[in-house]
Amino acid sequence: MRLIETGTGQFSLLLHAGTTSVDELIGRLGRTPNGYFWEDVAHFLVDTQDTTLKGRFSYDSEAGMFCAYGEDRAALEALAAMMSAVIADEGRMRLLIEASNGSDPDD
């Protein structure tokens, strides 16, 4: 996961799908760790952990990549921190998938 400045005051938070240590677990739990899955993870984290981030950036994910972008670097850094914690911890990822009440992140 990396945060880049794409232009003056414009930032993108990127994650290439299939590059995390929790991808195998995600697959075992019946999900596909693509960009859309990670976008759903981001929405879930914002909705459940930090609602102050709502509306402070946009998403433009695709199958091979998660992307959040906008002008609010601090908001994207906060999202990166929340997502990085899940990416680095299989236990957290398992709990997140269970807590999402079976919603299909591939939709």
PDB file of N, CA and C in Angstrom:
ATOM      1  N   MET A   1       0.855  -1.162   0.000  1.00  0.00           N
ATOM      2  CA  MET A   1       0.000   0.000   0.000  1.00  0.00           C
ATOM      3  C   MET A   1       0.903   1.227   0.000  1.00  0.00           C
ATOM      4  N   ARG A   2       0.569   2.143  -0.897  1.00  0.00           N
ATOM      5  CA  ARG A   2       1.387   3.359  -0.939  1.00  0.00           C
ATOM      6  C   ARG A   2       0.525   4.568  -1.254  1.00  0.00           C
ATOM      7  N   LEU A   3       0.934   5.687  -0.700  1.00  0.00           N
ATOM      8  CA  LEU A   3       0.269   6.961  -0.923  1.00  0.00           C
ATOM      9  C   LEU A   3       1.188   7.798  -1.802  1.00  0.00           C
ATOM     10  N   ILE A   4       0.666   8.242  -2.935  1.00  0.00           N
ATOM     11  CA  ILE A   4       1.476   9.039  -3.841  1.00  0.00           C
ATOM     12  C   ILE A   4       0.788  10.362  -4.135  1.00  0.00           C
ATOM     13  N   GLU A   5       1.589  11.359  -4.458  1.00  0.00           N
ATOM     14  CA  GLU A   5       1.046  12.634  -4.904  1.00  0.00           C
ATOM     15  C   GLU A   5       1.007  12.585  -6.424  1.00  0.00           C
ATOM     16  N   THR A   6      -0.189  12.661  -6.981  1.00  0.00           N
ATOM     17  CA  THR A   6      -0.358  12.532  -8.422  1.00  0.00           C
ATOM     18  C   THR A   6      -0.324  13.874  -9.130  1.00  0.00           C
ATOM     19  N   GLY A   7      -0.438  14.922  -8.384  1.00  0.00           N
ATOM     20  CA  GLY A   7      -0.400  16.289  -8.887  1.00  0.00           C
ATOM     21  C   GLY A   7      -0.384  17.207  -7.689  1.00  0.00           C
ATOM     22  N   THR A   8      -0.223  18.474  -7.915  1.00  0.00           N
ATOM     23  CA  THR A   8      -0.189  19.413  -6.806  1.00  0.00           C
ATOM     24  C   THR A   8      -1.478  19.320  -5.990  1.00  0.00           C
ATOM     25  N   GLY A   9      -1.348  18.867  -4.749  1.00  0.00           N
ATOM     26  CA  GLY A   9      -2.498  18.754  -3.865  1.00  0.00           C
ATOM     27  C   GLY A   9      -3.431  17.600  -4.182  1.00  0.00           C
ATOM     28  N   GLN A  10      -3.044  16.681  -5.038  1.00  0.00           N
ATOM     29  CA  GLN A  10      -3.843  15.519  -5.407  1.00  0.00           C
ATOM     30  C   GLN A  10      -3.093  14.259  -4.991  1.00  0.00           C
ATOM     31  N   PHE A  11      -3.794  13.361  -4.295  1.00  0.00           N
ATOM     32  CA  PHE A  11      -3.151  12.172  -3.746  1.00  0.00           C
ATOM     33  C   PHE A  11      -3.950  10.917  -4.082  1.00  0.00           C
ATOM     34  N   SER A  12      -3.228   9.814  -4.214  1.00  0.00           N
ATOM     35  CA  SER A  12      -3.860   8.512  -4.427  1.00  0.00           C
ATOM     36  C   SER A  12      -3.262   7.497  -3.476  1.00  0.00           C
ATOM     37  N   LEU A  13      -4.136   6.713  -2.865  1.00  0.00           N
ATOM     38  CA  LEU A  13      -3.739   5.589  -2.023  1.00  0.00           C
ATOM     39  C   LEU A  13      -3.953   4.339  -2.860  1.00  0.00           C
ATOM     40  N   LEU A  14      -2.887   3.572  -3.091  1.00  0.00           N
ATOM     41  CA  LEU A  14      -2.934   2.436  -4.011  1.00  0.00           C
ATOM     42  C   LEU A  14      -2.531   1.145  -3.327  1.00  0.00           C
ATOM     43  N   LEU A  15      -3.191   0.079  -3.723  1.00  0.00           N
ATOM     44  CA  LEU A  15      -2.821  -1.263  -3.285  1.00  0.00           C
ATOM     45  C   LEU A  15      -3.018  -2.186  -4.479  1.00  0.00           C
ATOM     46  N   HIS A  16      -1.942  -2.833  -4.922  1.00  0.00           N
ATOM     47  CA  HIS A  16      -2.045  -3.792  -6.012  1.00  0.00           C
ATOM     48  C   HIS A  16      -2.611  -5.090  -5.451  1.00  0.00           C
ATOM     49  N   ALA A  17      -3.718  -5.521  -6.009  1.00  0.00           N
ATOM     50  CA  ALA A  17      -4.384  -6.741  -5.548  1.00  0.00           C
ATOM     51  C   ALA A  17      -3.470  -7.943  -5.737  1.00  0.00           C
ATOM     52  N   GLY A  18      -3.557  -8.864  -4.800  1.00  0.00           N
ATOM     53  CA  GLY A  18      -2.765 -10.083  -4.879  1.00  0.00           C
ATOM     54  C   GLY A  18      -1.369  -9.954  -4.303  1.00  0.00           C
ATOM     55  N   THR A  19      -1.126  -8.883  -3.560  1.00  0.00           N
ATOM     56  CA  THR A  19       0.226  -8.651  -3.034  1.00  0.00           C
ATOM     57  C   THR A  19       0.289  -8.637  -1.506  1.00  0.00           C
ATOM     58  N   THR A  20      -0.791  -9.005  -0.844  1.00  0.00           N
ATOM     59  CA  THR A  20      -0.775  -8.920   0.618  1.00  0.00           C
ATOM     60  C   THR A  20      -0.580 -10.298   1.240  1.00  0.00           C
ATOM     61  N   SER A  21      -0.166 -10.272   2.486  1.00  0.00           N
ATOM     62  CA  SER A  21       0.063 -11.531   3.208  1.00  0.00           C
ATOM     63  C   SER A  21      -1.239 -12.223   3.611  1.00  0.00           C
ATOM     64  N   VAL A  22      -2.368 -11.555   3.458  1.00  0.00           N
ATOM     65  CA  VAL A  22      -3.650 -12.153   3.842  1.00  0.00           C
ATOM     66  C   VAL A  22      -4.457 -12.651   2.643  1.00  0.00           C
ATOM     67  N   ASP A  23      -3.897 -12.587   1.446  1.00  0.00           N
ATOM     68  CA  ASP A  23      -4.628 -13.014   0.247  1.00  0.00           C
ATOM     69  C   ASP A  23      -5.076 -14.469   0.322  1.00  0.00           C
ATOM     70  N   GLU A  24      -4.204 -15.336   0.773  1.00  0.00           N
ATOM     71  CA  GLU A  24      -4.558 -16.760   0.864  1.00  0.00           C
ATOM     72  C   GLU A  24      -5.728 -16.962   1.825  1.00  0.00           C
ATOM     73  N   LEU A  25      -5.684 -16.298   2.976  1.00  0.00           N
ATOM     74  CA  LEU A  25      -6.783 -16.388   3.939  1.00  0.00           C
ATOM     75  C   LEU A  25      -8.085 -15.892   3.315  1.00  0.00           C
ATOM     76  N   ILE A  26      -8.029 -14.787   2.630  1.00  0.00           N
ATOM     77  CA  ILE A  26      -9.220 -14.224   1.995  1.00  0.00           C
ATOM     78  C   ILE A  26      -9.828 -15.239   1.039  1.00  0.00           C
ATOM     79  N   GLY A  27      -8.974 -15.890   0.258  1.00  0.00           N
ATOM     80  CA  GLY A  27      -9.447 -16.919  -0.663  1.00  0.00           C
ATOM     81  C   GLY A  27     -10.071 -18.101   0.058  1.00  0.00           C
ATOM     82  N   ARG A  28      -9.437 -18.532   1.163  1.00  0.00           N
ATOM     83  CA  ARG A  28      -9.995 -19.655   1.944  1.00  0.00           C
ATOM     84  C   ARG A  28     -11.355 -19.299   2.521  1.00  0.00           C
ATOM     85  N   LEU A  29     -11.584 -18.031   2.770  1.00  0.00           N
ATOM     86  CA  LEU A  29     -12.864 -17.588   3.330  1.00  0.00           C
ATOM     87  C   LEU A  29     -13.887 -17.294   2.234  1.00  0.00           C
ATOM     88  N   GLY A  30     -13.555 -17.690   0.999  1.00  0.00           N
ATOM     89  CA  GLY A  30     -14.511 -17.589  -0.092  1.00  0.00           C
ATOM     90  C   GLY A  30     -14.578 -16.247  -0.778  1.00  0.00           C
ATOM     91  N   ARG A  31     -13.611 -15.409  -0.568  1.00  0.00           N
ATOM     92  CA  ARG A  31     -13.590 -14.082  -1.182  1.00  0.00           C
ATOM     93  C   ARG A  31     -12.457 -14.003  -2.196  1.00  0.00           C
ATOM     94  N   THR A  32     -12.505 -13.004  -3.035  1.00  0.00           N
ATOM     95  CA  THR A  32     -11.459 -12.762  -4.019  1.00  0.00           C
ATOM     96  C   THR A  32     -10.751 -11.462  -3.646  1.00  0.00           C
ATOM     97  N   PRO A  33      -9.461 -11.520  -3.341  1.00  0.00           N
ATOM     98  CA  PRO A  33      -8.750 -10.311  -2.878  1.00  0.00           C
ATOM     99  C   PRO A  33      -8.377  -9.378  -4.026  1.00  0.00           C
ATOM    100  N   ASN A  34      -9.392  -8.899  -4.742  1.00  0.00           N
ATOM    101  CA  ASN A  34      -9.139  -7.966  -5.836  1.00  0.00           C
ATOM    102  C   ASN A  34      -9.360  -6.522  -5.366  1.00  0.00           C
ATOM    103  N   GLY A  35      -9.226  -5.583  -6.282  1.00  0.00           N
ATOM    104  CA  GLY A  35      -9.392  -4.179  -5.924  1.00  0.00           C
ATOM    105  C   GLY A  35     -10.757  -3.852  -5.368  1.00  0.00           C
ATOM    106  N   TYR A  36     -11.785  -4.510  -5.889  1.00  0.00           N
ATOM    107  CA  TYR A  36     -13.146  -4.258  -5.413  1.00  0.00           C
ATOM    108  C   TYR A  36     -13.334  -4.776  -3.982  1.00  0.00           C
ATOM    109  N   PHE A  37     -12.719  -5.921  -3.684  1.00  0.00           N
ATOM    110  CA  PHE A  37     -12.755  -6.441  -2.315  1.00  0.00           C
ATOM    111  C   PHE A  37     -12.141  -5.409  -1.371  1.00  0.00           C
ATOM    112  N   TRP A  38     -10.963  -4.895  -1.736  1.00  0.00           N
ATOM    113  CA  TRP A  38     -10.284  -3.939  -0.854  1.00  0.00           C
ATOM    114  C   TRP A  38     -11.055  -2.629  -0.736  1.00  0.00           C
ATOM    115  N   GLU A  39     -11.774  -2.247  -1.779  1.00  0.00           N
ATOM    116  CA  GLU A  39     -12.617  -1.056  -1.672  1.00  0.00           C
ATOM    117  C   GLU A  39     -13.738  -1.293  -0.669  1.00  0.00           C
ATOM    118  N   ASP A  40     -14.320  -2.494  -0.699  1.00  0.00           N
ATOM    119  CA  ASP A  40     -15.347  -2.824   0.290  1.00  0.00           C
ATOM    120  C   ASP A  40     -14.771  -2.844   1.700  1.00  0.00           C
ATOM    121  N   VAL A  41     -13.541  -3.328   1.842  1.00  0.00           N
ATOM    122  CA  VAL A  41     -12.867  -3.285   3.147  1.00  0.00           C
ATOM    123  C   VAL A  41     -12.739  -1.836   3.604  1.00  0.00           C
ATOM    124  N   ALA A  42     -12.314  -0.960   2.720  1.00  0.00           N
ATOM    125  CA  ALA A  42     -12.163   0.453   3.063  1.00  0.00           C
ATOM    126  C   ALA A  42     -13.485   1.054   3.511  1.00  0.00           C
ATOM    127  N   HIS A  43     -14.550   0.791   2.755  1.00  0.00           N
ATOM    128  CA  HIS A  43     -15.875   1.303   3.137  1.00  0.00           C
ATOM    129  C   HIS A  43     -16.264   0.785   4.522  1.00  0.00           C
ATOM    130  N   PHE A  44     -16.059  -0.512   4.753  1.00  0.00           N
ATOM    131  CA  PHE A  44     -16.419  -1.108   6.037  1.00  0.00           C
ATOM    132  C   PHE A  44     -15.631  -0.464   7.174  1.00  0.00           C
ATOM    133  N   LEU A  45     -14.335  -0.262   6.972  1.00  0.00           N
ATOM    134  CA  LEU A  45     -13.511   0.355   8.021  1.00  0.00           C
ATOM    135  C   LEU A  45     -13.946   1.783   8.302  1.00  0.00           C
ATOM    136  N   VAL A  46     -14.230   2.538   7.273  1.00  0.00           N
ATOM    137  CA  VAL A  46     -14.689   3.918   7.466  1.00  0.00           C
ATOM    138  C   VAL A  46     -16.029   3.913   8.205  1.00  0.00           C
ATOM    139  N   ASP A  47     -16.937   3.033   7.795  1.00  0.00           N
ATOM    140  CA  ASP A  47     -18.265   2.974   8.419  1.00  0.00           C
ATOM    141  C   ASP A  47     -18.222   2.520   9.871  1.00  0.00           C
ATOM    142  N   THR A  48     -17.246   1.688  10.220  1.00  0.00           N
ATOM    143  CA  THR A  48     -17.236   1.100  11.564  1.00  0.00           C
ATOM    144  C   THR A  48     -16.152   1.651  12.490  1.00  0.00           C
ATOM    145  N   GLN A  49     -15.112   2.261  11.924  1.00  0.00           N
ATOM    146  CA  GLN A  49     -14.009   2.712  12.767  1.00  0.00           C
ATOM    147  C   GLN A  49     -13.788   4.217  12.769  1.00  0.00           C
ATOM    148  N   ASP A  50     -14.098   4.896  11.668  1.00  0.00           N
ATOM    149  CA  ASP A  50     -13.840   6.342  11.630  1.00  0.00           C
ATOM    150  C   ASP A  50     -14.765   7.019  10.627  1.00  0.00           C
ATOM    151  N   THR A  51     -15.982   7.290  11.050  1.00  0.00           N
ATOM    152  CA  THR A  51     -16.963   7.901  10.161  1.00  0.00           C
ATOM    153  C   THR A  51     -16.602   9.330   9.772  1.00  0.00           C
ATOM    154  N   THR A  52     -15.649   9.940  10.464  1.00  0.00           N
ATOM    155  CA  THR A  52     -15.228  11.297  10.087  1.00  0.00           C
ATOM    156  C   THR A  52     -14.530  11.306   8.725  1.00  0.00           C
ATOM    157  N   LEU A  53     -14.162  10.140   8.221  1.00  0.00           N
ATOM    158  CA  LEU A  53     -13.502  10.062   6.920  1.00  0.00           C
ATOM    159  C   LEU A  53     -14.495  10.035   5.755  1.00  0.00           C
ATOM    160  N   LYS A  54     -15.772   9.806   6.037  1.00  0.00           N
ATOM    161  CA  LYS A  54     -16.780   9.733   4.968  1.00  0.00           C
ATOM    162  C   LYS A  54     -16.793  11.024   4.155  1.00  0.00           C
ATOM    163  N   GLY A  55     -16.746  10.850   2.838  1.00  0.00           N
ATOM    164  CA  GLY A  55     -16.839  11.981   1.930  1.00  0.00           C
ATOM    165  C   GLY A  55     -15.555  12.775   1.751  1.00  0.00           C
ATOM    166  N   ARG A  56     -14.482  12.353   2.386  1.00  0.00           N
ATOM    167  CA  ARG A  56     -13.231  13.118   2.307  1.00  0.00           C
ATOM    168  C   ARG A  56     -12.310  12.635   1.192  1.00  0.00           C
ATOM    169  N   PHE A  57     -12.686  11.558   0.520  1.00  0.00           N
ATOM    170  CA  PHE A  57     -11.952  11.058  -0.647  1.00  0.00           C
ATOM    171  C   PHE A  57     -12.911  10.211  -1.467  1.00  0.00           C
ATOM    172  N   SER A  58     -12.481   9.857  -2.669  1.00  0.00           N
ATOM    173  CA  SER A  58     -13.287   9.039  -3.576  1.00  0.00           C
ATOM    174  C   SER A  58     -12.543   7.746  -3.880  1.00  0.00           C
ATOM    175  N   TYR A  59     -13.234   6.830  -4.545  1.00  0.00           N
ATOM    176  CA  TYR A  59     -12.649   5.546  -4.905  1.00  0.00           C
ATOM    177  C   TYR A  59     -12.660   5.375  -6.421  1.00  0.00           C
ATOM    178  N   ASP A  60     -11.667   4.661  -6.924  1.00  0.00           N
ATOM    179  CA  ASP A  60     -11.599   4.316  -8.348  1.00  0.00           C
ATOM    180  C   ASP A  60     -10.861   3.001  -8.501  1.00  0.00           C
ATOM    181  N   SER A  61     -11.371   1.969  -7.835  1.00  0.00           N
ATOM    182  CA  SER A  61     -10.718   0.657  -7.856  1.00  0.00           C
ATOM    183  C   SER A  61     -11.065  -0.091  -9.130  1.00  0.00           C
ATOM    184  N   GLU A  62     -10.261  -1.089  -9.415  1.00  0.00           N
ATOM    185  CA  GLU A  62     -10.516  -2.008 -10.513  1.00  0.00           C
ATOM    186  C   GLU A  62     -10.092  -3.386 -10.043  1.00  0.00           C
ATOM    187  N   ALA A  63     -10.232  -4.383 -10.880  1.00  0.00           N
ATOM    188  CA  ALA A  63      -9.943  -5.754 -10.448  1.00  0.00           C
ATOM    189  C   ALA A  63      -8.533  -5.903  -9.899  1.00  0.00           C
ATOM    190  N   GLY A  64      -7.556  -5.309 -10.532  1.00  0.00           N
ATOM    191  CA  GLY A  64      -6.167  -5.503 -10.127  1.00  0.00           C
ATOM    192  C   GLY A  64      -5.630  -4.507  -9.124  1.00  0.00           C
ATOM    193  N   MET A  65      -6.433  -3.494  -8.755  1.00  0.00           N
ATOM    194  CA  MET A  65      -5.894  -2.464  -7.884  1.00  0.00           C
ATOM    195  C   MET A  65      -6.987  -1.744  -7.094  1.00  0.00           C
ATOM    196  N   PHE A  66      -6.711  -1.505  -5.810  1.00  0.00           N
ATOM    197  CA  PHE A  66      -7.531  -0.635  -4.977  1.00  0.00           C
ATOM    198  C   PHE A  66      -6.996   0.782  -5.141  1.00  0.00           C
ATOM    199  N   CYS A  67      -7.885   1.749  -5.264  1.00  0.00           N
ATOM    200  CA  CYS A  67      -7.468   3.146  -5.346  1.00  0.00           C
ATOM    201  C   CYS A  67      -8.478   4.033  -4.626  1.00  0.00           C
ATOM    202  N   ALA A  68      -7.971   4.831  -3.701  1.00  0.00           N
ATOM    203  CA  ALA A  68      -8.736   5.921  -3.089  1.00  0.00           C
ATOM    204  C   ALA A  68      -7.959   7.187  -3.415  1.00  0.00           C
ATOM    205  N   TYR A  69      -8.658   8.269  -3.710  1.00  0.00           N
ATOM    206  CA  TYR A  69      -7.946   9.472  -4.125  1.00  0.00           C
ATOM    207  C   TYR A  69      -8.679  10.731  -3.666  1.00  0.00           C
ATOM    208  N   GLY A  70      -7.949  11.821  -3.640  1.00  0.00           N
ATOM    209  CA  GLY A  70      -8.528  13.101  -3.279  1.00  0.00           C
ATOM    210  C   GLY A  70      -7.473  14.098  -2.880  1.00  0.00           C
ATOM    211  N   GLU A  71      -7.926  15.197  -2.331  1.00  0.00           N
ATOM    212  CA  GLU A  71      -7.034  16.277  -1.927  1.00  0.00           C
ATOM    213  C   GLU A  71      -6.665  16.209  -0.451  1.00  0.00           C
ATOM    214  N   ASP A  72      -7.375  15.414   0.318  1.00  0.00           N
ATOM    215  CA  ASP A  72      -7.188  15.349   1.770  1.00  0.00           C
ATOM    216  C   ASP A  72      -6.172  14.265   2.139  1.00  0.00           C
ATOM    217  N   ARG A  73      -4.912  14.638   2.127  1.00  0.00           N
ATOM    218  CA  ARG A  73      -3.837  13.680   2.411  1.00  0.00           C
ATOM    219  C   ARG A  73      -4.010  13.041   3.790  1.00  0.00           C
ATOM    220  N   ALA A  74      -4.393  13.831   4.789  1.00  0.00           N
ATOM    221  CA  ALA A  74      -4.545  13.298   6.148  1.00  0.00           C
ATOM    222  C   ALA A  74      -5.615  12.210   6.198  1.00  0.00           C
ATOM    223  N   ALA A  75      -6.699  12.401   5.471  1.00  0.00           N
ATOM    224  CA  ALA A  75      -7.760  11.388   5.439  1.00  0.00           C
ATOM    225  C   ALA A  75      -7.261  10.110   4.775  1.00  0.00           C
ATOM    226  N   LEU A  76      -6.520  10.238   3.694  1.00  0.00           N
ATOM    227  CA  LEU A  76      -5.979   9.062   3.020  1.00  0.00           C
ATOM    228  C   LEU A  76      -4.928   8.365   3.882  1.00  0.00           C
ATOM    229  N   GLU A  77      -4.156   9.129   4.623  1.00  0.00           N
ATOM    230  CA  GLU A  77      -3.193   8.523   5.558  1.00  0.00           C
ATOM    231  C   GLU A  77      -3.909   7.750   6.655  1.00  0.00           C
ATOM    232  N   ALA A  78      -5.025   8.293   7.143  1.00  0.00           N
ATOM    233  CA  ALA A  78      -5.804   7.593   8.173  1.00  0.00           C
ATOM    234  C   ALA A  78      -6.384   6.297   7.620  1.00  0.00           C
ATOM    235  N   LEU A  79      -6.892   6.336   6.385  1.00  0.00           N
ATOM    236  CA  LEU A  79      -7.407   5.124   5.751  1.00  0.00           C
ATOM    237  C   LEU A  79      -6.285   4.110   5.562  1.00  0.00           C
ATOM    238  N   ALA A  80      -5.131   4.574   5.130  1.00  0.00           N
ATOM    239  CA  ALA A  80      -3.982   3.677   4.940  1.00  0.00           C
ATOM    240  C   ALA A  80      -3.613   2.982   6.240  1.00  0.00           C
ATOM    241  N   ALA A  81      -3.637   3.701   7.332  1.00  0.00           N
ATOM    242  CA  ALA A  81      -3.295   3.113   8.634  1.00  0.00           C
ATOM    243  C   ALA A  81      -4.299   2.033   9.021  1.00  0.00           C
ATOM    244  N   MET A  82      -5.590   2.310   8.820  1.00  0.00           N
ATOM    245  CA  MET A  82      -6.616   1.314   9.158  1.00  0.00           C
ATOM    246  C   MET A  82      -6.476   0.074   8.278  1.00  0.00           C
ATOM    247  N   MET A  83      -6.275   0.289   6.995  1.00  0.00           N
ATOM    248  CA  MET A  83      -6.167  -0.843   6.077  1.00  0.00           C
ATOM    249  C   MET A  83      -4.879  -1.625   6.310  1.00  0.00           C
ATOM    250  N   SER A  84      -3.796  -0.938   6.588  1.00  0.00           N
ATOM    251  CA  SER A  84      -2.518  -1.621   6.830  1.00  0.00           C
ATOM    252  C   SER A  84      -2.597  -2.537   8.037  1.00  0.00           C
ATOM    253  N   ALA A  85      -3.350  -2.125   9.046  1.00  0.00           N
ATOM    254  CA  ALA A  85      -3.514  -2.963  10.239  1.00  0.00           C
ATOM    255  C   ALA A  85      -4.215  -4.271   9.886  1.00  0.00           C
ATOM    256  N   VAL A  86      -5.171  -4.228   8.973  1.00  0.00           N
ATOM    257  CA  VAL A  86      -5.896  -5.424   8.554  1.00  0.00           C
ATOM    258  C   VAL A  86      -5.028  -6.277   7.630  1.00  0.00           C
ATOM    259  N   ILE A  87      -4.306  -5.626   6.745  1.00  0.00           N
ATOM    260  CA  ILE A  87      -3.447  -6.328   5.788  1.00  0.00           C
ATOM    261  C   ILE A  87      -2.356  -7.114   6.514  1.00  0.00           C
ATOM    262  N   ALA A  88      -1.904  -6.609   7.633  1.00  0.00           N
ATOM    263  CA  ALA A  88      -0.785  -7.221   8.353  1.00  0.00           C
ATOM    264  C   ALA A  88      -1.205  -8.274   9.372  1.00  0.00           C
ATOM    265  N   ASP A  89      -2.495  -8.556   9.496  1.00  0.00           N
ATOM    266  CA  ASP A  89      -2.950  -9.404  10.593  1.00  0.00           C
ATOM    267  C   ASP A  89      -4.089 -10.319  10.139  1.00  0.00           C
ATOM    268  N   GLU A  90      -3.789 -11.606   9.997  1.00  0.00           N
ATOM    269  CA  GLU A  90      -4.814 -12.557   9.560  1.00  0.00           C
ATOM    270  C   GLU A  90      -6.005 -12.600  10.512  1.00  0.00           C
ATOM    271  N   GLY A  91      -5.751 -12.493  11.795  1.00  0.00           N
ATOM    272  CA  GLY A  91      -6.840 -12.505  12.771  1.00  0.00           C
ATOM    273  C   GLY A  91      -7.794 -11.347  12.556  1.00  0.00           C
ATOM    274  N   ARG A  92      -7.256 -10.166  12.333  1.00  0.00           N
ATOM    275  CA  ARG A  92      -8.101  -8.996  12.068  1.00  0.00           C
ATOM    276  C   ARG A  92      -8.883  -9.167  10.773  1.00  0.00           C
ATOM    277  N   MET A  93      -8.213  -9.708   9.745  1.00  0.00           N
ATOM    278  CA  MET A  93      -8.904  -9.901   8.470  1.00  0.00           C
ATOM    279  C   MET A  93     -10.057 -10.885   8.650  1.00  0.00           C
ATOM    280  N   ARG A  94      -9.828 -11.972   9.357  1.00  0.00           N
ATOM    281  CA  ARG A  94     -10.891 -12.955   9.598  1.00  0.00           C
ATOM    282  C   ARG A  94     -12.062 -12.294  10.329  1.00  0.00           C
ATOM    283  N   LEU A  95     -11.776 -11.521  11.363  1.00  0.00           N
ATOM    284  CA  LEU A  95     -12.837 -10.837  12.108  1.00  0.00           C
ATOM    285  C   LEU A  95     -13.583  -9.835  11.233  1.00  0.00           C
ATOM    286  N   LEU A  96     -12.858  -9.126  10.378  1.00  0.00           N
ATOM    287  CA  LEU A  96     -13.492  -8.154   9.503  1.00  0.00           C
ATOM    288  C   LEU A  96     -14.469  -8.843   8.551  1.00  0.00           C
ATOM    289  N   ILE A  97     -14.035  -9.938   7.955  1.00  0.00           N
ATOM    290  CA  ILE A  97     -14.916 -10.673   7.035  1.00  0.00           C
ATOM    291  C   ILE A  97     -16.136 -11.214   7.777  1.00  0.00           C
ATOM    292  N   GLU A  98     -15.927 -11.751   8.966  1.00  0.00           N
ATOM    293  CA  GLU A  98     -17.052 -12.247   9.760  1.00  0.00           C
ATOM    294  C   GLU A  98     -17.987 -11.116  10.158  1.00  0.00           C
ATOM    295  N   ALA A  99     -17.437  -9.960  10.517  1.00  0.00           N
ATOM    296  CA  ALA A  99     -18.254  -8.821  10.950  1.00  0.00           C
ATOM    297  C   ALA A  99     -19.027  -8.187   9.806  1.00  0.00           C
ATOM    298  N   SER A 100     -18.564  -8.414   8.589  1.00  0.00           N
ATOM    299  CA  SER A 100     -19.261  -7.806   7.440  1.00  0.00           C
ATOM    300  C   SER A 100     -20.588  -8.513   7.147  1.00  0.00           C
ATOM    301  N   ASN A 101     -20.951  -9.498   8.003  1.00  0.00           N
ATOM    302  CA  ASN A 101     -22.246 -10.192   7.904  1.00  0.00           C
ATOM    303  C   ASN A 101     -22.481 -10.853   6.561  1.00  0.00           C
ATOM    304  N   GLY A 102     -21.411 -11.379   6.001  1.00  0.00           N
ATOM    305  CA  GLY A 102     -21.566 -12.144   4.779  1.00  0.00           C
ATOM    306  C   GLY A 102     -21.809 -11.313   3.538  1.00  0.00           C
ATOM    307  N   SER A 103     -21.672  -9.994   3.616  1.00  0.00           N
ATOM    308  CA  SER A 103     -21.827  -9.215   2.382  1.00  0.00           C
ATOM    309  C   SER A 103     -20.716  -9.619   1.432  1.00  0.00           C
ATOM    310  N   ASP A 104     -21.016  -9.689   0.163  1.00  0.00           N
ATOM    311  CA  ASP A 104     -20.065 -10.170  -0.828  1.00  0.00           C
ATOM    312  C   ASP A 104     -19.244  -9.018  -1.367  1.00  0.00           C
ATOM    313  N   PRO A 105     -17.959  -8.945  -1.011  1.00  0.00           N
ATOM    314  CA  PRO A 105     -17.143  -7.840  -1.484  1.00  0.00           C
ATOM    315  C   PRO A 105     -16.857  -7.897  -2.967  1.00  0.00           C
ATOM    316  N   ASP A 106     -17.253  -8.963  -3.631  1.00  0.00           N
ATOM    317  CA  ASP A 106     -17.032  -9.061  -5.068  1.00  0.00           C
ATOM    318  C   ASP A 106     -18.182  -8.439  -5.855  1.00  0.00           C
ATOM    319  N   ASP A 107     -19.246  -8.026  -5.189  1.00  0.00           N
ATOM    320  CA  ASP A 107     -20.386  -7.421  -5.881  1.00  0.00           C
ATOM    321  C   ASP A 107     -20.057  -6.017  -6.325  1.00  0.00           C
TER     322      ASP A 107
END
